[in-house]
């Protein structure tokens, strides 16, 4: 249960940061927008992306095992 709560809070924080980046762009601060987007992209690539790839591989292997039965 805690994993789901953590995931939703984490997603909310990421969406809030993205929203703030867009808000900064609308308010006329493209440098701040670019910096936030760059940092979010870096965070995703180095922290979240490997876990996403592992989860995709895990689900494919589970689905492949279920089909073979």
N, C-alpha and C. Protein backbone atom coordinates (compact mmCIF):
# COMPACT_ATOMS: atom_id res chain seq x y z
N UNK A 1 0.82 -1.19 0.00
CA UNK A 1 0.00 0.00 0.00
C UNK A 1 0.87 1.26 0.00
N UNK A 2 1.93 1.24 0.81
CA UNK A 2 2.80 2.41 0.87
C UNK A 2 3.43 2.70 -0.48
N UNK A 3 3.73 1.66 -1.25
CA UNK A 3 4.33 1.86 -2.58
C UNK A 3 3.41 2.68 -3.47
N UNK A 4 2.10 2.39 -3.42
CA UNK A 4 1.14 3.13 -4.24
C UNK A 4 1.05 4.59 -3.79
N UNK A 5 1.01 4.81 -2.48
CA UNK A 5 0.93 6.18 -1.96
C UNK A 5 2.19 6.94 -2.37
N UNK A 6 3.33 6.32 -2.20
CA UNK A 6 4.59 6.96 -2.58
C UNK A 6 4.61 7.28 -4.07
N UNK A 7 4.15 6.35 -4.89
CA UNK A 7 4.15 6.56 -6.34
C UNK A 7 3.24 7.72 -6.73
N UNK A 8 2.05 7.80 -6.14
CA UNK A 8 1.13 8.88 -6.48
C UNK A 8 1.64 10.24 -5.99
N UNK A 9 2.23 10.28 -4.79
CA UNK A 9 2.81 11.53 -4.31
C UNK A 9 3.98 11.96 -5.18
N UNK A 10 4.78 11.00 -5.58
CA UNK A 10 5.93 11.28 -6.43
C UNK A 10 5.48 11.80 -7.79
N UNK A 11 4.46 11.16 -8.37
CA UNK A 11 3.92 11.61 -9.65
C UNK A 11 3.34 13.01 -9.52
N UNK A 12 2.67 13.27 -8.42
CA UNK A 12 2.13 14.61 -8.18
C UNK A 12 3.22 15.67 -8.11
N UNK A 13 4.32 15.33 -7.45
CA UNK A 13 5.43 16.28 -7.36
C UNK A 13 6.06 16.53 -8.73
N UNK A 14 6.20 15.48 -9.52
CA UNK A 14 6.75 15.66 -10.86
C UNK A 14 5.82 16.50 -11.74
N UNK A 15 4.52 16.26 -11.65
CA UNK A 15 3.56 17.05 -12.42
C UNK A 15 3.53 18.50 -11.94
N UNK A 16 3.68 18.71 -10.63
CA UNK A 16 3.73 20.07 -10.10
C UNK A 16 4.96 20.80 -10.63
N UNK A 17 6.09 20.13 -10.67
CA UNK A 17 7.31 20.75 -11.21
C UNK A 17 7.14 21.07 -12.69
N UNK A 18 6.51 20.17 -13.42
CA UNK A 18 6.24 20.42 -14.84
C UNK A 18 5.29 21.60 -15.00
N UNK A 19 4.27 21.65 -14.17
CA UNK A 19 3.33 22.77 -14.21
C UNK A 19 4.01 24.09 -13.89
N UNK A 20 4.91 24.08 -12.92
CA UNK A 20 5.64 25.29 -12.59
C UNK A 20 6.55 25.71 -13.74
N UNK A 21 7.12 24.75 -14.44
CA UNK A 21 7.96 25.08 -15.59
C UNK A 21 7.13 25.76 -16.67
N UNK A 22 5.94 25.23 -16.95
CA UNK A 22 5.07 25.85 -17.95
C UNK A 22 4.63 27.23 -17.48
N UNK A 23 4.31 27.36 -16.21
CA UNK A 23 3.93 28.65 -15.64
C UNK A 23 5.06 29.67 -15.81
N UNK A 24 6.28 29.23 -15.56
CA UNK A 24 7.43 30.12 -15.73
C UNK A 24 7.58 30.56 -17.17
N UNK A 25 7.34 29.65 -18.09
CA UNK A 25 7.42 29.99 -19.51
C UNK A 25 6.35 31.02 -19.88
N UNK A 26 5.14 30.81 -19.40
CA UNK A 26 4.04 31.74 -19.69
C UNK A 26 4.33 33.12 -19.09
N UNK A 27 4.93 33.14 -17.92
CA UNK A 27 5.25 34.40 -17.25
C UNK A 27 6.47 35.10 -17.85
N UNK A 28 7.10 34.48 -18.81
CA UNK A 28 8.20 35.13 -19.51
C UNK A 28 9.59 34.79 -19.02
N UNK A 29 9.76 33.61 -18.50
CA UNK A 29 11.09 33.19 -18.04
C UNK A 29 11.50 31.90 -18.74
N UNK A 30 11.90 32.01 -20.01
CA UNK A 30 12.25 30.79 -20.75
C UNK A 30 13.49 30.08 -20.20
N UNK A 31 14.40 30.84 -19.59
CA UNK A 31 15.59 30.21 -19.02
C UNK A 31 15.21 29.30 -17.85
N UNK A 32 14.32 29.76 -16.99
CA UNK A 32 13.88 28.93 -15.87
C UNK A 32 13.13 27.70 -16.39
N UNK A 33 12.29 27.90 -17.40
CA UNK A 33 11.56 26.78 -18.02
C UNK A 33 12.55 25.74 -18.55
N UNK A 34 13.54 26.19 -19.30
CA UNK A 34 14.51 25.27 -19.89
C UNK A 34 15.29 24.52 -18.80
N UNK A 35 15.66 25.22 -17.75
CA UNK A 35 16.41 24.59 -16.66
C UNK A 35 15.57 23.52 -15.97
N UNK A 36 14.31 23.82 -15.67
CA UNK A 36 13.45 22.84 -15.00
C UNK A 36 13.22 21.63 -15.90
N UNK A 37 12.94 21.88 -17.18
CA UNK A 37 12.71 20.77 -18.11
C UNK A 37 13.98 19.92 -18.26
N UNK A 38 15.12 20.56 -18.35
CA UNK A 38 16.39 19.83 -18.44
C UNK A 38 16.61 18.96 -17.21
N UNK A 39 16.36 19.51 -16.03
CA UNK A 39 16.56 18.74 -14.80
C UNK A 39 15.54 17.61 -14.68
N UNK A 40 14.29 17.86 -15.06
CA UNK A 40 13.29 16.79 -15.03
C UNK A 40 13.63 15.68 -16.02
N UNK A 41 14.09 16.04 -17.21
CA UNK A 41 14.49 15.04 -18.19
C UNK A 41 15.68 14.23 -17.72
N UNK A 42 16.64 14.88 -17.12
CA UNK A 42 17.81 14.18 -16.58
C UNK A 42 17.40 13.23 -15.46
N UNK A 43 16.53 13.71 -14.59
CA UNK A 43 16.04 12.88 -13.49
C UNK A 43 15.32 11.64 -14.02
N UNK A 44 14.46 11.86 -15.01
CA UNK A 44 13.74 10.72 -15.59
C UNK A 44 14.72 9.72 -16.21
N UNK A 45 15.64 10.22 -17.00
CA UNK A 45 16.53 9.33 -17.73
C UNK A 45 17.41 8.50 -16.80
N UNK A 46 17.97 9.13 -15.78
CA UNK A 46 18.92 8.42 -14.92
C UNK A 46 18.28 7.67 -13.76
N UNK A 47 17.13 8.15 -13.28
CA UNK A 47 16.53 7.54 -12.09
C UNK A 47 15.33 6.66 -12.46
N UNK A 48 14.40 7.19 -13.23
CA UNK A 48 13.16 6.48 -13.48
C UNK A 48 13.21 5.53 -14.67
N UNK A 49 13.91 5.89 -15.72
CA UNK A 49 13.90 5.10 -16.94
C UNK A 49 14.40 3.67 -16.76
N UNK A 50 15.50 3.43 -16.03
CA UNK A 50 15.92 2.04 -15.83
C UNK A 50 14.85 1.20 -15.12
N UNK A 51 14.16 1.79 -14.15
CA UNK A 51 13.10 1.06 -13.45
C UNK A 51 11.93 0.77 -14.38
N UNK A 52 11.61 1.71 -15.25
CA UNK A 52 10.53 1.50 -16.22
C UNK A 52 10.89 0.36 -17.16
N UNK A 53 12.11 0.34 -17.66
CA UNK A 53 12.54 -0.73 -18.55
C UNK A 53 12.51 -2.09 -17.85
N UNK A 54 12.93 -2.12 -16.59
CA UNK A 54 12.88 -3.38 -15.83
C UNK A 54 11.45 -3.85 -15.65
N UNK A 55 10.54 -2.94 -15.37
CA UNK A 55 9.14 -3.32 -15.18
C UNK A 55 8.53 -3.83 -16.48
N UNK A 56 8.85 -3.21 -17.60
CA UNK A 56 8.36 -3.68 -18.90
C UNK A 56 8.88 -5.09 -19.18
N UNK A 57 10.16 -5.32 -18.93
CA UNK A 57 10.74 -6.65 -19.15
C UNK A 57 10.09 -7.67 -18.22
N UNK A 58 9.84 -7.30 -16.98
CA UNK A 58 9.22 -8.22 -16.03
C UNK A 58 7.82 -8.59 -16.49
N UNK A 59 7.05 -7.61 -16.93
CA UNK A 59 5.68 -7.90 -17.37
C UNK A 59 5.66 -8.75 -18.64
N UNK A 60 6.61 -8.51 -19.53
CA UNK A 60 6.68 -9.34 -20.74
C UNK A 60 7.02 -10.78 -20.39
N UNK A 61 7.94 -10.97 -19.45
CA UNK A 61 8.30 -12.33 -19.07
C UNK A 61 7.16 -13.03 -18.36
N UNK A 62 6.41 -12.32 -17.55
CA UNK A 62 5.26 -12.92 -16.87
C UNK A 62 4.19 -13.26 -17.89
N UNK A 63 3.94 -12.37 -18.84
CA UNK A 63 2.94 -12.62 -19.87
C UNK A 63 3.37 -13.79 -20.76
N UNK A 64 4.67 -13.88 -21.06
CA UNK A 64 5.16 -14.99 -21.87
C UNK A 64 5.02 -16.33 -21.15
N UNK A 65 5.24 -16.34 -19.86
CA UNK A 65 5.09 -17.57 -19.08
C UNK A 65 3.62 -17.99 -19.00
N UNK A 66 2.73 -17.02 -18.91
CA UNK A 66 1.30 -17.34 -18.83
C UNK A 66 0.77 -17.87 -20.15
N UNK A 67 1.30 -17.42 -21.24
CA UNK A 67 0.85 -17.91 -22.55
C UNK A 67 1.31 -19.34 -22.81
N UNK A 68 2.48 -19.69 -22.28
CA UNK A 68 3.02 -21.02 -22.51
C UNK A 68 2.27 -22.11 -21.77
N UNK A 69 1.51 -21.73 -20.76
CA UNK A 69 0.80 -22.72 -19.93
C UNK A 69 -0.46 -23.22 -20.59
